[in-house]
């Protein structure tokens, strides 16, 4: 029975030693334990902060890259639209120049025909019907000139051009 008693006392004595910190022989003061805990917490916070900063910087760089790419795309689109607009304006300028050239040619042609008619009428003498035709052709010429000077669309003046053509043809055909 003695062996049993001594083992009981030794187990109770060893738990008393464990309570007193006798297992490893290392004792931590509460201040040191608090500092270790604070350092550990600080390390965890710092690690999380570093992760957040890294992710934030990566997102920022991604936004900057995306913004730069979008800016470059917009610059290319703007450039393409400008070159397209320039081509359209150049074509319109060519069309306006062609229309002005036709108008000048028509003016020269009409002027030549008017001079020829004037010479013909002046050389024929003063007959009532011919003077009436001469005055009518001059009136139509004046209307055509007024139309070309005031209207932007030369197509509307074609009525007067046809009328003048008809008048000149009749005047030249008459004896």
Protein backbone atom coordinates (compact mmCIF):
# COMPACT_ATOMS: atom_id res chain seq x y z
CA UNK A 1 0.00 0.00 0.00
CA UNK A 2 2.81 2.31 0.49
CA UNK A 3 3.59 2.46 -3.16
CA UNK A 4 0.14 3.63 -3.83
CA UNK A 5 0.34 6.37 -1.32
CA UNK A 6 3.57 7.70 -2.50
CA UNK A 7 2.38 7.79 -6.07
CA UNK A 8 -0.63 9.78 -4.97
CA UNK A 9 1.48 12.26 -3.15
CA UNK A 10 3.95 12.56 -5.95
CA UNK A 11 1.18 13.19 -8.50
CA UNK A 12 -0.28 15.85 -6.28
CA UNK A 13 3.09 17.38 -5.73
CA UNK A 14 3.86 17.45 -9.44
CA UNK A 15 0.54 19.21 -10.19
CA UNK A 16 1.42 21.74 -7.55
CA UNK A 17 4.73 22.29 -9.24
CA UNK A 18 2.97 22.73 -12.61
CA UNK A 19 0.71 25.33 -11.09
CA UNK A 20 3.69 27.20 -9.78
CA UNK A 21 5.27 27.14 -13.27
CA UNK A 22 7.88 24.61 -12.42
CA UNK A 23 7.49 22.57 -15.62
CA UNK A 24 9.94 24.49 -17.88
CA UNK A 25 11.42 26.84 -15.46
CA UNK A 26 10.55 29.90 -17.66
CA UNK A 27 8.37 32.56 -16.12
CA UNK A 28 6.83 35.50 -18.15
CA UNK A 29 5.83 38.66 -16.46
CA UNK A 30 2.42 40.02 -17.38
CA UNK A 31 4.05 43.09 -18.99
CA UNK A 32 6.28 40.89 -21.17
CA UNK A 33 3.33 38.70 -22.09
CA UNK A 34 1.33 41.84 -23.05
CA UNK A 35 4.22 43.12 -25.18
CA UNK A 36 4.52 39.76 -26.98
CA UNK A 37 0.78 39.77 -27.62
CA UNK A 38 0.91 43.40 -28.86
CA UNK A 39 3.85 42.60 -31.13
CA UNK A 40 1.99 39.60 -32.50
CA UNK A 41 -1.14 41.66 -33.07
CA UNK A 42 0.95 44.42 -34.65
CA UNK A 43 2.60 41.89 -36.96
CA UNK A 44 -0.83 40.57 -38.04
CA UNK A 45 -2.12 44.11 -38.63
CA UNK A 46 1.02 45.03 -40.57
CA UNK A 47 0.73 41.91 -42.73
CA UNK A 48 -2.92 42.66 -43.49
CA UNK A 49 -2.06 46.31 -44.23
CA UNK A 50 0.71 45.25 -46.61
CA UNK A 51 -1.72 42.91 -48.40
CA UNK A 52 -4.28 45.72 -48.69
CA UNK A 53 -1.67 48.20 -49.96
CA UNK A 54 -0.42 45.71 -52.54
CA UNK A 55 -3.94 45.01 -53.81
CA UNK A 56 -4.77 48.72 -53.81
CA UNK A 57 -1.65 49.54 -55.82
CA UNK A 58 -2.40 46.74 -58.27
CA UNK A 59 -5.96 48.01 -58.77
CA UNK A 60 -4.64 51.55 -59.20
CA UNK A 61 -2.12 50.42 -61.81
CA UNK A 62 -4.83 48.45 -63.59
CA UNK A 63 -7.08 51.55 -63.67
CA UNK A 64 -4.20 53.71 -64.92
CA UNK A 65 -3.40 51.21 -67.68
CA UNK A 66 -7.05 50.95 -68.65
CA UNK A 67 -7.36 54.73 -68.68
CA UNK A 68 -4.25 55.08 -70.84
CA UNK A 69 -5.53 52.49 -73.29
CA UNK A 70 -8.93 54.20 -73.48
CA UNK A 71 -7.25 57.55 -74.02
CA UNK A 72 -5.16 56.09 -76.84
CA UNK A 73 -8.28 54.55 -78.42
CA UNK A 74 -10.09 57.88 -78.23
CA UNK A 75 -7.11 59.64 -79.80
CA UNK A 76 -7.14 57.12 -82.67
CA UNK A 77 -10.89 57.53 -83.16
CA UNK A 78 -10.57 61.32 -83.10
CA UNK A 79 -7.77 61.17 -85.63
CA UNK A 80 -9.78 58.85 -87.88
CA UNK A 81 -12.83 61.10 -87.66
CA UNK A 82 -10.74 64.17 -88.46
CA UNK A 83 -9.21 62.53 -91.52
CA UNK A 84 -12.66 61.34 -92.61
CA UNK A 85 -14.08 64.85 -92.14
CA UNK A 86 -11.17 66.31 -94.12
CA UNK A 87 -11.84 63.87 -96.98
CA UNK A 88 -15.54 64.80 -97.00
CA UNK A 89 -14.71 68.53 -96.94
CA UNK A 90 -12.21 68.09 -99.76
CA UNK A 91 -14.83 66.27 -101.83
CA UNK A 92 -17.38 69.00 -101.10
CA UNK A 93 -14.85 71.66 -102.08
CA UNK A 94 -14.27 69.83 -105.37
CA UNK A 95 -18.01 69.70 -106.00
CA UNK A 96 -18.38 73.43 -105.26
CA UNK A 97 -15.46 74.21 -107.55
CA UNK A 98 -17.01 72.10 -110.32
CA UNK A 99 -20.36 73.85 -109.89
CA UNK A 100 -18.71 77.26 -109.97
CA UNK A 101 -16.79 76.26 -113.09
CA UNK A 102 -20.02 75.18 -114.79
CA UNK A 103 -21.65 78.44 -113.75
CA UNK A 104 -18.79 80.48 -115.20
CA UNK A 105 -18.94 78.44 -118.42
CA UNK A 106 -22.68 79.05 -118.61
CA UNK A 107 -22.18 82.78 -118.02
CA UNK A 108 -19.62 82.94 -120.82
CA UNK A 109 -21.89 80.98 -123.13
CA UNK A 110 -24.91 83.12 -122.33
CA UNK A 111 -22.83 86.29 -122.68
CA UNK A 112 -21.61 85.16 -126.09
CA UNK A 113 -25.14 84.35 -127.21
CA UNK A 114 -26.44 87.69 -125.90
CA UNK A 115 -23.69 89.58 -127.74
CA UNK A 116 -24.45 87.69 -130.92
CA UNK A 117 -28.16 88.41 -130.53
CA UNK A 118 -27.50 92.05 -129.82
CA UNK A 119 -25.40 92.31 -132.94
CA UNK A 120 -28.07 90.54 -134.98
CA UNK A 121 -30.88 92.74 -133.64
CA UNK A 122 -28.94 95.94 -134.08
CA UNK A 123 -28.00 95.05 -137.66
CA UNK A 124 -31.60 94.22 -138.69
CA UNK A 125 -33.20 97.56 -138.08
CA UNK A 126 -36.17 98.24 -135.89
CA UNK A 127 -39.06 95.98 -136.66
CA UNK A 128 -41.73 95.77 -133.98
CA UNK A 129 -41.74 92.01 -133.55
CA UNK A 130 -37.98 91.68 -133.53
CA UNK A 131 -37.60 94.45 -131.01
CA UNK A 132 -40.16 92.63 -128.91
CA UNK A 133 -38.07 89.42 -129.11
CA UNK A 134 -34.89 91.35 -128.29
CA UNK A 135 -36.50 92.91 -125.23
CA UNK A 136 -37.93 89.55 -124.19
CA UNK A 137 -34.52 87.80 -124.41
CA UNK A 138 -32.87 90.60 -122.45
CA UNK A 139 -35.54 90.30 -119.76
CA UNK A 140 -35.02 86.54 -119.53
CA UNK A 141 -31.26 87.07 -119.31
CA UNK A 142 -31.78 89.57 -116.49
CA UNK A 143 -34.03 87.08 -114.67
CA UNK A 144 -31.43 84.31 -115.07
CA UNK A 145 -28.64 86.54 -113.81
CA UNK A 146 -30.73 87.59 -110.83
CA UNK A 147 -31.54 83.95 -110.07
CA UNK A 148 -27.86 82.89 -110.10
CA UNK A 149 -26.87 85.84 -107.93
CA UNK A 150 -29.54 85.35 -105.26
CA UNK A 151 -30.23 81.62 -105.03
CA UNK A 152 -27.85 79.08 -103.57
CA UNK A 153 -29.22 76.17 -105.63
CA UNK A 154 -28.46 76.55 -109.34
CA UNK A 155 -31.07 73.89 -110.15
CA UNK A 156 -33.88 76.34 -109.52
CA UNK A 157 -32.43 78.66 -112.17
CA UNK A 158 -32.68 76.02 -114.89
CA UNK A 159 -36.18 77.29 -115.76
CA UNK A 160 -34.73 80.66 -116.72
CA UNK A 161 -31.82 79.03 -118.54
CA UNK A 162 -34.23 76.96 -120.66
CA UNK A 163 -36.38 80.04 -121.29
CA UNK A 164 -33.31 82.00 -122.42
CA UNK A 165 -32.16 79.10 -124.61
CA UNK A 166 -35.59 78.94 -126.23
CA UNK A 167 -35.65 82.70 -126.77
CA UNK A 168 -32.19 82.76 -128.30
CA UNK A 169 -32.97 79.79 -130.55
CA UNK A 170 -36.16 81.45 -131.79
CA UNK A 171 -34.36 84.75 -132.35
CA UNK A 172 -31.59 83.10 -134.31
CA UNK A 173 -34.02 81.01 -136.33
CA UNK A 174 -36.17 83.96 -137.30
CA UNK A 175 -35.19 85.76 -140.57
